[in-house]
PDB file of all heavy atoms in Angstrom:
ATOM      1  N   HIS A   1     -35.734 -17.298  15.714  1.00  0.00           N
ATOM      2  CA  HIS A   1     -35.219 -17.724  14.397  1.00  0.00           C
ATOM      3  C   HIS A   1     -33.746 -17.348  14.285  1.00  0.00           C
ATOM      4  O   HIS A   1     -32.980 -18.279  13.759  1.00  0.00           O
ATOM      5  CB  HIS A   1     -36.021 -16.945  13.270  1.00  0.00           C
ATOM      6  CG  HIS A   1     -35.629 -17.117  11.868  1.00  0.00           C
ATOM      7  ND1 HIS A   1     -35.841 -18.338  11.335  1.00  0.00           N
ATOM      8  CD2 HIS A   1     -34.915 -16.356  10.996  1.00  0.00           C
ATOM      9  CE1 HIS A   1     -35.283 -18.279  10.050  1.00  0.00           C
ATOM     10  NE2 HIS A   1     -34.861 -17.090   9.904  1.00  0.00           N
ATOM     11  N   GLU A   2     -33.277 -16.211  14.729  1.00  0.00           N
ATOM     12  CA  GLU A   2     -31.767 -15.830  14.555  1.00  0.00           C
ATOM     13  C   GLU A   2     -31.062 -16.845  15.411  1.00  0.00           C
ATOM     14  O   GLU A   2     -29.970 -17.301  14.887  1.00  0.00           O
ATOM     15  CB  GLU A   2     -31.664 -14.410  15.085  1.00  0.00           C
ATOM     16  CG  GLU A   2     -32.253 -13.416  14.153  1.00  0.00           C
ATOM     17  CD  GLU A   2     -31.995 -11.878  14.811  1.00  0.00           C
ATOM     18  OE1 GLU A   2     -31.045 -11.815  15.666  1.00  0.00           O
ATOM     19  OE2 GLU A   2     -32.713 -11.125  14.409  1.00  0.00           O
ATOM     20  N   GLU A   3     -31.555 -17.259  16.616  1.00  0.00           N
ATOM     21  CA  GLU A   3     -30.790 -18.161  17.472  1.00  0.00           C
ATOM     22  C   GLU A   3     -30.769 -19.644  16.755  1.00  0.00           C
ATOM     23  O   GLU A   3     -29.656 -20.185  16.749  1.00  0.00           O
ATOM     24  CB  GLU A   3     -31.486 -18.318  18.832  1.00  0.00           C
ATOM     25  CG  GLU A   3     -30.717 -18.951  19.892  1.00  0.00           C
ATOM     26  CD  GLU A   3     -29.598 -18.134  20.434  1.00  0.00           C
ATOM     27  OE1 GLU A   3     -29.543 -16.945  20.346  1.00  0.00           O
ATOM     28  OE2 GLU A   3     -28.641 -18.782  20.959  1.00  0.00           O
ATOM     29  N   VAL A   4     -31.771 -19.997  16.164  1.00  0.00           N
ATOM     30  CA  VAL A   4     -31.757 -21.376  15.505  1.00  0.00           C
ATOM     31  C   VAL A   4     -30.674 -21.184  14.360  1.00  0.00           C
ATOM     32  O   VAL A   4     -29.992 -22.247  14.182  1.00  0.00           O
ATOM     33  CB  VAL A   4     -33.243 -21.692  15.015  1.00  0.00           C
ATOM     34  CG1 VAL A   4     -33.085 -22.840  14.014  1.00  0.00           C
ATOM     35  CG2 VAL A   4     -34.004 -22.083  16.148  1.00  0.00           C
ATOM     36  N   GLU A   5     -30.814 -20.176  13.530  1.00  0.00           N
ATOM     37  CA  GLU A   5     -29.848 -20.069  12.370  1.00  0.00           C
ATOM     38  C   GLU A   5     -28.481 -20.075  12.888  1.00  0.00           C
ATOM     39  O   GLU A   5     -27.518 -20.767  12.317  1.00  0.00           O
ATOM     40  CB  GLU A   5     -30.175 -18.711  11.755  1.00  0.00           C
ATOM     41  CG  GLU A   5     -31.481 -18.703  10.789  1.00  0.00           C
ATOM     42  CD  GLU A   5     -31.521 -19.777   9.778  1.00  0.00           C
ATOM     43  OE1 GLU A   5     -30.352 -19.759   9.101  1.00  0.00           O
ATOM     44  OE2 GLU A   5     -32.424 -20.362   9.495  1.00  0.00           O
ATOM     45  N   THR A   6     -28.150 -19.407  14.097  1.00  0.00           N
ATOM     46  CA  THR A   6     -26.672 -19.377  14.577  1.00  0.00           C
ATOM     47  C   THR A   6     -26.287 -20.721  15.040  1.00  0.00           C
ATOM     48  O   THR A   6     -25.329 -21.248  14.649  1.00  0.00           O
ATOM     49  CB  THR A   6     -26.770 -18.401  15.802  1.00  0.00           C
ATOM     50  OG1 THR A   6     -27.138 -17.108  15.277  1.00  0.00           O
ATOM     51  CG2 THR A   6     -25.288 -18.335  16.391  1.00  0.00           C
ATOM     52  N   HIS A   7     -27.367 -21.474  15.623  1.00  0.00           N
ATOM     53  CA  HIS A   7     -26.878 -22.786  16.118  1.00  0.00           C
ATOM     54  C   HIS A   7     -26.746 -23.765  14.798  1.00  0.00           C
ATOM     55  O   HIS A   7     -25.939 -24.687  14.912  1.00  0.00           O
ATOM     56  CB  HIS A   7     -27.926 -23.315  17.106  1.00  0.00           C
ATOM     57  CG  HIS A   7     -27.968 -22.733  18.453  1.00  0.00           C
ATOM     58  ND1 HIS A   7     -28.934 -22.624  19.275  1.00  0.00           N
ATOM     59  CD2 HIS A   7     -26.861 -22.037  19.025  1.00  0.00           C
ATOM     60  CE1 HIS A   7     -28.548 -22.147  20.491  1.00  0.00           C
ATOM     61  NE2 HIS A   7     -27.414 -21.745  20.288  1.00  0.00           N
ATOM     62  N   ASN A   8     -27.523 -23.603  13.899  1.00  0.00           N
ATOM     63  CA  ASN A   8     -27.272 -24.423  12.787  1.00  0.00           C
ATOM     64  C   ASN A   8     -26.011 -24.326  12.024  1.00  0.00           C
ATOM     65  O   ASN A   8     -25.457 -25.282  11.610  1.00  0.00           O
ATOM     66  CB  ASN A   8     -28.517 -24.178  11.686  1.00  0.00           C
ATOM     67  CG  ASN A   8     -29.747 -24.901  12.029  1.00  0.00           C
ATOM     68  OD1 ASN A   8     -29.804 -25.879  12.760  1.00  0.00           O
ATOM     69  ND2 ASN A   8     -30.936 -24.355  11.542  1.00  0.00           N
ATOM     70  N   ARG A   9     -25.533 -23.023  11.996  1.00  0.00           N
ATOM     71  CA  ARG A   9     -24.238 -22.669  11.379  1.00  0.00           C
ATOM     72  C   ARG A   9     -23.175 -23.368  12.301  1.00  0.00           C
ATOM     73  O   ARG A   9     -22.227 -23.964  11.712  1.00  0.00           O
ATOM     74  CB  ARG A   9     -23.988 -21.206  11.185  1.00  0.00           C
ATOM     75  CG  ARG A   9     -24.738 -20.575  10.074  1.00  0.00           C
ATOM     76  CD  ARG A   9     -24.305 -19.273   9.834  1.00  0.00           C
ATOM     77  NE  ARG A   9     -24.626 -18.346  10.896  1.00  0.00           N
ATOM     78  CZ  ARG A   9     -25.779 -17.556  11.116  1.00  0.00           C
ATOM     79  NH1 ARG A   9     -26.731 -17.722  10.230  1.00  0.00           N
ATOM     80  NH2 ARG A   9     -25.708 -16.766  12.115  1.00  0.00           N
ATOM     81  N   MET A  10     -23.320 -23.263  13.599  1.00  0.00           N
ATOM     82  CA  MET A  10     -22.293 -23.696  14.450  1.00  0.00           C
ATOM     83  C   MET A  10     -22.325 -25.308  14.387  1.00  0.00           C
ATOM     84  O   MET A  10     -21.219 -25.988  14.479  1.00  0.00           O
ATOM     85  CB  MET A  10     -22.669 -23.369  15.906  1.00  0.00           C
ATOM     86  CG  MET A  10     -21.640 -23.798  17.032  1.00  0.00           C
ATOM     87  SD  MET A  10     -21.995 -23.267  18.697  1.00  0.00           S
ATOM     88  CE  MET A  10     -23.618 -23.044  18.858  1.00  0.00           C
ATOM     89  N   LEU A  11     -23.394 -25.923  14.236  1.00  0.00           N
ATOM     90  CA  LEU A  11     -23.520 -27.443  14.174  1.00  0.00           C
ATOM     91  C   LEU A  11     -22.881 -27.800  12.846  1.00  0.00           C
ATOM     92  O   LEU A  11     -22.148 -28.882  12.757  1.00  0.00           O
ATOM     93  CB  LEU A  11     -24.934 -27.894  14.316  1.00  0.00           C
ATOM     94  CG  LEU A  11     -25.507 -27.745  15.821  1.00  0.00           C
ATOM     95  CD1 LEU A  11     -27.009 -28.139  15.663  1.00  0.00           C
ATOM     96  CD2 LEU A  11     -24.806 -28.788  16.645  1.00  0.00           C
ATOM     97  N   ASP A  12     -23.093 -27.077  11.818  1.00  0.00           N
ATOM     98  CA  ASP A  12     -22.552 -27.361  10.509  1.00  0.00           C
ATOM     99  C   ASP A  12     -20.985 -27.381  10.681  1.00  0.00           C
ATOM    100  O   ASP A  12     -20.375 -28.224  10.137  1.00  0.00           O
ATOM    101  CB  ASP A  12     -23.047 -26.439   9.434  1.00  0.00           C
ATOM    102  CG  ASP A  12     -24.469 -26.732   9.001  1.00  0.00           C
ATOM    103  OD1 ASP A  12     -24.865 -27.883   9.253  1.00  0.00           O
ATOM    104  OD2 ASP A  12     -24.937 -25.870   8.351  1.00  0.00           O
ATOM    105  N   ARG A  13     -20.505 -26.405  11.351  1.00  0.00           N
ATOM    106  CA  ARG A  13     -19.012 -26.147  11.455  1.00  0.00           C
ATOM    107  C   ARG A  13     -18.394 -27.349  12.319  1.00  0.00           C
ATOM    108  O   ARG A  13     -17.487 -27.979  12.014  1.00  0.00           O
ATOM    109  CB  ARG A  13     -18.614 -24.785  12.110  1.00  0.00           C
ATOM    110  CG  ARG A  13     -18.668 -23.736  11.140  1.00  0.00           C
ATOM    111  CD  ARG A  13     -18.096 -22.437  11.722  1.00  0.00           C
ATOM    112  NE  ARG A  13     -18.528 -22.105  13.055  1.00  0.00           N
ATOM    113  CZ  ARG A  13     -19.505 -21.196  13.311  1.00  0.00           C
ATOM    114  NH1 ARG A  13     -20.043 -20.695  12.277  1.00  0.00           N
ATOM    115  NH2 ARG A  13     -19.767 -20.915  14.497  1.00  0.00           N
ATOM    116  N   MET A  14     -19.161 -27.741  13.396  1.00  0.00           N
ATOM    117  CA  MET A  14     -18.778 -28.801  14.264  1.00  0.00           C
ATOM    118  C   MET A  14     -18.721 -30.100  13.358  1.00  0.00           C
ATOM    119  O   MET A  14     -17.862 -30.974  13.586  1.00  0.00           O
ATOM    120  CB  MET A  14     -19.764 -29.018  15.458  1.00  0.00           C
ATOM    121  CG  MET A  14     -19.429 -27.843  16.432  1.00  0.00           C
ATOM    122  SD  MET A  14     -20.538 -27.977  17.866  1.00  0.00           S
ATOM    123  CE  MET A  14     -20.458 -29.622  18.407  1.00  0.00           C
ATOM    124  N   GLY A  15     -19.805 -30.329  12.648  1.00  0.00           N
ATOM    125  CA  GLY A  15     -19.826 -31.550  11.692  1.00  0.00           C
ATOM    126  C   GLY A  15     -18.568 -31.694  10.879  1.00  0.00           C
ATOM    127  O   GLY A  15     -18.067 -32.708  10.613  1.00  0.00           O
ATOM    128  N   ASN A  16     -18.308 -30.497  10.201  1.00  0.00           N
ATOM    129  CA  ASN A  16     -17.175 -30.517   9.292  1.00  0.00           C
ATOM    130  C   ASN A  16     -15.904 -30.772  10.119  1.00  0.00           C
ATOM    131  O   ASN A  16     -14.997 -31.444   9.550  1.00  0.00           O
ATOM    132  CB  ASN A  16     -17.070 -29.118   8.524  1.00  0.00           C
ATOM    133  CG  ASN A  16     -18.221 -28.874   7.704  1.00  0.00           C
ATOM    134  OD1 ASN A  16     -18.800 -29.932   7.096  1.00  0.00           O
ATOM    135  ND2 ASN A  16     -18.576 -27.623   7.432  1.00  0.00           N
ATOM    136  N   ASP A  17     -15.738 -30.185  11.287  1.00  0.00           N
ATOM    137  CA  ASP A  17     -14.582 -30.434  12.123  1.00  0.00           C
ATOM    138  C   ASP A  17     -14.485 -31.827  12.491  1.00  0.00           C
ATOM    139  O   ASP A  17     -13.413 -32.475  12.518  1.00  0.00           O
ATOM    140  CB  ASP A  17     -14.556 -29.460  13.325  1.00  0.00           C
ATOM    141  CG  ASP A  17     -14.320 -28.010  12.986  1.00  0.00           C
ATOM    142  OD1 ASP A  17     -13.948 -27.763  11.902  1.00  0.00           O
ATOM    143  OD2 ASP A  17     -14.631 -27.229  13.767  1.00  0.00           O
ATOM    144  N   MET A  18     -15.671 -32.476  12.849  1.00  0.00           N
ATOM    145  CA  MET A  18     -15.597 -33.863  13.221  1.00  0.00           C
ATOM    146  C   MET A  18     -15.198 -34.699  11.947  1.00  0.00           C
ATOM    147  O   MET A  18     -14.462 -35.731  12.167  1.00  0.00           O
ATOM    148  CB  MET A  18     -17.043 -34.257  13.665  1.00  0.00           C
ATOM    149  CG  MET A  18     -17.341 -33.662  15.057  1.00  0.00           C
ATOM    150  SD  MET A  18     -16.233 -34.204  16.313  1.00  0.00           S
ATOM    151  CE  MET A  18     -17.118 -35.465  17.048  1.00  0.00           C
ATOM    152  N   ASP A  19     -15.754 -34.429  10.847  1.00  0.00           N
ATOM    153  CA  ASP A  19     -15.296 -35.123   9.616  1.00  0.00           C
ATOM    154  C   ASP A  19     -13.873 -35.101   9.346  1.00  0.00           C
ATOM    155  O   ASP A  19     -13.181 -36.197   9.108  1.00  0.00           O
ATOM    156  CB  ASP A  19     -16.057 -34.617   8.494  1.00  0.00           C
ATOM    157  CG  ASP A  19     -17.541 -34.987   8.371  1.00  0.00           C
ATOM    158  OD1 ASP A  19     -17.799 -35.866   9.157  1.00  0.00           O
ATOM    159  OD2 ASP A  19     -18.244 -34.501   7.708  1.00  0.00           O
ATOM    160  N   SER A  20     -13.259 -33.884   9.572  1.00  0.00           N
ATOM    161  CA  SER A  20     -11.830 -33.796   9.216  1.00  0.00           C
ATOM    162  C   SER A  20     -11.099 -34.608  10.426  1.00  0.00           C
ATOM    163  O   SER A  20     -10.028 -35.182  10.217  1.00  0.00           O
ATOM    164  CB  SER A  20     -11.363 -32.306   9.265  1.00  0.00           C
ATOM    165  OG  SER A  20     -11.479 -31.684  10.528  1.00  0.00           O
ATOM    166  N   SER A  21     -11.521 -34.490  11.628  1.00  0.00           N
ATOM    167  CA  SER A  21     -10.823 -35.258  12.783  1.00  0.00           C
ATOM    168  C   SER A  21     -10.968 -36.646  12.565  1.00  0.00           C
ATOM    169  O   SER A  21      -9.928 -37.562  12.827  1.00  0.00           O
ATOM    170  CB  SER A  21     -11.584 -34.918  14.207  1.00  0.00           C
ATOM    171  OG  SER A  21     -11.446 -33.562  14.409  1.00  0.00           O
ATOM    172  N   ARG A  22     -12.068 -37.166  12.030  1.00  0.00           N
ATOM    173  CA  ARG A  22     -12.218 -38.716  11.804  1.00  0.00           C
ATOM    174  C   ARG A  22     -11.249 -39.070  10.702  1.00  0.00           C
ATOM    175  O   ARG A  22     -10.686 -40.044  10.797  1.00  0.00           O
ATOM    176  CB  ARG A  22     -13.677 -38.894  11.303  1.00  0.00           C
ATOM    177  CG  ARG A  22     -13.909 -40.312  11.031  1.00  0.00           C
ATOM    178  CD  ARG A  22     -15.437 -40.500  10.650  1.00  0.00           C
ATOM    179  NE  ARG A  22     -16.351 -40.149  11.684  1.00  0.00           N
ATOM    180  CZ  ARG A  22     -17.304 -39.337  11.469  1.00  0.00           C
ATOM    181  NH1 ARG A  22     -17.536 -38.816  10.180  1.00  0.00           N
ATOM    182  NH2 ARG A  22     -18.186 -38.976  12.403  1.00  0.00           N
ATOM    183  N   GLY A  23     -10.958 -38.230   9.705  1.00  0.00           N
ATOM    184  CA  GLY A  23      -9.987 -38.644   8.640  1.00  0.00           C
ATOM    185  C   GLY A  23      -8.631 -38.580   9.362  1.00  0.00           C
ATOM    186  O   GLY A  23      -7.792 -39.594   9.013  1.00  0.00           O
ATOM    187  N   ILE A  24      -8.208 -37.654  10.146  1.00  0.00           N
ATOM    188  CA  ILE A  24      -6.895 -37.680  10.775  1.00  0.00           C
ATOM    189  C   ILE A  24      -6.745 -38.930  11.655  1.00  0.00           C
ATOM    190  O   ILE A  24      -5.820 -39.592  11.639  1.00  0.00           O
ATOM    191  CB  ILE A  24      -6.698 -36.511  11.615  1.00  0.00           C
ATOM    192  CG1 ILE A  24      -6.703 -35.220  10.636  1.00  0.00           C
ATOM    193  CG2 ILE A  24      -5.562 -36.476  12.456  1.00  0.00           C
ATOM    194  CD1 ILE A  24      -6.688 -33.833  11.390  1.00  0.00           C
ATOM    195  N   LEU A  25      -7.831 -39.358  12.415  1.00  0.00           N
ATOM    196  CA  LEU A  25      -7.793 -40.444  13.270  1.00  0.00           C
ATOM    197  C   LEU A  25      -7.712 -41.717  12.507  1.00  0.00           C
ATOM    198  O   LEU A  25      -6.925 -42.611  12.859  1.00  0.00           O
ATOM    199  CB  LEU A  25      -8.974 -40.437  14.263  1.00  0.00           C
ATOM    200  CG  LEU A  25      -8.935 -39.455  15.417  1.00  0.00           C
ATOM    201  CD1 LEU A  25     -10.327 -39.532  16.295  1.00  0.00           C
ATOM    202  CD2 LEU A  25      -7.710 -39.650  16.280  1.00  0.00           C
ATOM    203  N   SER A  26      -8.409 -41.861  11.429  1.00  0.00           N
ATOM    204  CA  SER A  26      -8.199 -43.070  10.647  1.00  0.00           C
ATOM    205  C   SER A  26      -6.934 -43.279  10.112  1.00  0.00           C
ATOM    206  O   SER A  26      -6.393 -44.295  10.050  1.00  0.00           O
ATOM    207  CB  SER A  26      -9.452 -43.096   9.622  1.00  0.00           C
ATOM    208  OG  SER A  26      -9.201 -42.110   8.642  1.00  0.00           O
ATOM    209  N   GLY A  27      -6.320 -42.165   9.641  1.00  0.00           N
ATOM    210  CA  GLY A  27      -4.985 -42.171   9.230  1.00  0.00           C
ATOM    211  C   GLY A  27      -4.037 -42.636  10.220  1.00  0.00           C
ATOM    212  O   GLY A  27      -3.161 -43.500   9.991  1.00  0.00           O
ATOM    213  N   THR A  28      -4.164 -42.068  11.413  1.00  0.00           N
ATOM    214  CA  THR A  28      -3.285 -42.566  12.598  1.00  0.00           C
ATOM    215  C   THR A  28      -3.560 -43.945  13.002  1.00  0.00           C
ATOM    216  O   THR A  28      -2.443 -44.651  13.226  1.00  0.00           O
ATOM    217  CB  THR A  28      -3.610 -41.632  13.834  1.00  0.00           C
ATOM    218  OG1 THR A  28      -3.480 -40.229  13.472  1.00  0.00           O
ATOM    219  CG2 THR A  28      -2.741 -41.864  14.799  1.00  0.00           C
ATOM    220  N   MET A  29      -4.733 -44.426  12.851  1.00  0.00           N
ATOM    221  CA  MET A  29      -5.033 -45.865  13.333  1.00  0.00           C
ATOM    222  C   MET A  29      -4.425 -46.719  12.172  1.00  0.00           C
ATOM    223  O   MET A  29      -3.850 -47.861  12.452  1.00  0.00           O
ATOM    224  CB  MET A  29      -6.628 -46.086  13.295  1.00  0.00           C
ATOM    225  CG  MET A  29      -7.158 -45.382  14.575  1.00  0.00           C
ATOM    226  SD  MET A  29      -6.442 -45.980  16.029  1.00  0.00           S
ATOM    227  CE  MET A  29      -7.001 -47.699  16.078  1.00  0.00           C
ATOM    228  N   ASP A  30      -4.454 -46.450  10.910  1.00  0.00           N
ATOM    229  CA  ASP A  30      -3.837 -47.081   9.972  1.00  0.00           C
ATOM    230  C   ASP A  30      -2.267 -47.243  10.177  1.00  0.00           C
ATOM    231  O   ASP A  30      -1.621 -48.311  10.028  1.00  0.00           O
ATOM    232  CB  ASP A  30      -4.069 -46.573   8.440  1.00  0.00           C
ATOM    233  CG  ASP A  30      -5.507 -46.657   8.134  1.00  0.00           C
ATOM    234  OD1 ASP A  30      -6.204 -47.478   8.662  1.00  0.00           O
ATOM    235  OD2 ASP A  30      -5.769 -45.911   7.171  1.00  0.00           O
ATOM    236  N   LYS A  31      -1.711 -46.229  10.618  1.00  0.00           N
ATOM    237  CA  LYS A  31      -0.176 -46.151  10.887  1.00  0.00           C
ATOM    238  C   LYS A  31       0.065 -47.127  12.059  1.00  0.00           C
ATOM    239  O   LYS A  31       1.087 -47.806  12.118  1.00  0.00           O
ATOM    240  CB  LYS A  31       0.267 -44.773  11.206  1.00  0.00           C
ATOM    241  CG  LYS A  31       0.353 -43.876   9.996  1.00  0.00           C
ATOM    242  CD  LYS A  31       0.704 -42.574  10.287  1.00  0.00           C
ATOM    243  CE  LYS A  31       0.747 -41.677   8.965  1.00  0.00           C
ATOM    244  NZ  LYS A  31       0.982 -40.244   9.311  1.00  0.00           N
ATOM    245  N   PHE A  32      -0.852 -47.093  13.109  1.00  0.00           N
ATOM    246  CA  PHE A  32      -0.655 -47.956  14.211  1.00  0.00           C
ATOM    247  C   PHE A  32      -0.790 -49.459  13.925  1.00  0.00           C
ATOM    248  O   PHE A  32      -0.041 -50.245  14.402  1.00  0.00           O
ATOM    249  CB  PHE A  32      -1.719 -47.626  15.336  1.00  0.00           C
ATOM    250  CG  PHE A  32      -1.327 -46.722  16.318  1.00  0.00           C
ATOM    251  CD1 PHE A  32      -1.923 -45.442  16.648  1.00  0.00           C
ATOM    252  CD2 PHE A  32      -0.140 -46.836  17.160  1.00  0.00           C
ATOM    253  CE1 PHE A  32      -1.575 -44.513  17.392  1.00  0.00           C
ATOM    254  CE2 PHE A  32       0.239 -45.924  18.069  1.00  0.00           C
ATOM    255  CZ  PHE A  32      -0.458 -44.788  18.280  1.00  0.00           C
ATOM    256  N   LYS A  33      -1.694 -49.802  13.024  1.00  0.00           N
ATOM    257  CA  LYS A  33      -1.946 -51.137  12.450  1.00  0.00           C
ATOM    258  C   LYS A  33      -0.558 -51.567  11.759  1.00  0.00           C
ATOM    259  O   LYS A  33      -0.144 -52.681  12.032  1.00  0.00           O
ATOM    260  CB  LYS A  33      -3.064 -51.092  11.519  1.00  0.00           C
ATOM    261  CG  LYS A  33      -4.437 -51.153  12.238  1.00  0.00           C
ATOM    262  CD  LYS A  33      -5.465 -51.163  11.204  1.00  0.00           C
ATOM    263  CE  LYS A  33      -6.840 -50.978  11.783  1.00  0.00           C
ATOM    264  NZ  LYS A  33      -7.857 -51.008  10.774  1.00  0.00           N
ATOM    265  N   MET A  34       0.035 -50.664  11.001  1.00  0.00           N
ATOM    266  CA  MET A  34       1.228 -51.023  10.356  1.00  0.00           C
ATOM    267  C   MET A  34       2.405 -51.299  11.394  1.00  0.00           C
ATOM    268  O   MET A  34       3.074 -52.257  11.219  1.00  0.00           O
ATOM    269  CB  MET A  34       1.673 -49.939   9.349  1.00  0.00           C
ATOM    270  CG  MET A  34       0.761 -49.960   8.192  1.00  0.00           C
ATOM    271  SD  MET A  34       1.213 -48.859   6.723  1.00  0.00           S
ATOM    272  CE  MET A  34       2.348 -47.577   7.485  1.00  0.00           C
ATOM    273  N   VAL A  35       2.356 -50.511  12.395  1.00  0.00           N
ATOM    274  CA  VAL A  35       3.414 -50.592  13.369  1.00  0.00           C
ATOM    275  C   VAL A  35       3.234 -51.945  14.208  1.00  0.00           C
ATOM    276  O   VAL A  35       4.227 -52.676  14.322  1.00  0.00           O
ATOM    277  CB  VAL A  35       3.362 -49.451  14.385  1.00  0.00           C
ATOM    278  CG1 VAL A  35       4.265 -49.586  15.563  1.00  0.00           C
ATOM    279  CG2 VAL A  35       3.881 -48.103  13.673  1.00  0.00           C
ATOM    280  N   PHE A  36       2.131 -52.332  14.452  1.00  0.00           N
ATOM    281  CA  PHE A  36       1.805 -53.460  15.211  1.00  0.00           C
ATOM    282  C   PHE A  36       1.935 -54.875  14.393  1.00  0.00           C
ATOM    283  O   PHE A  36       1.864 -55.838  14.998  1.00  0.00           O
ATOM    284  CB  PHE A  36       0.524 -53.509  15.944  1.00  0.00           C
ATOM    285  CG  PHE A  36       0.477 -52.624  17.217  1.00  0.00           C
ATOM    286  CD1 PHE A  36      -0.318 -51.478  17.396  1.00  0.00           C
ATOM    287  CD2 PHE A  36       1.297 -52.959  18.200  1.00  0.00           C
ATOM    288  CE1 PHE A  36      -0.238 -50.637  18.435  1.00  0.00           C
ATOM    289  CE2 PHE A  36       1.377 -52.065  19.315  1.00  0.00           C
ATOM    290  CZ  PHE A  36       0.560 -51.039  19.486  1.00  0.00           C
TER     291      PHE A  36
END
């Protein structure tokens, strides 16, 4: 149970990090589109 809880917290943090990375990448892609 403790191991599952730890992994759930870690997966939640990874999901949040992926969401923020997706936002940064989409902003970068928008800039590339404007450049091209």
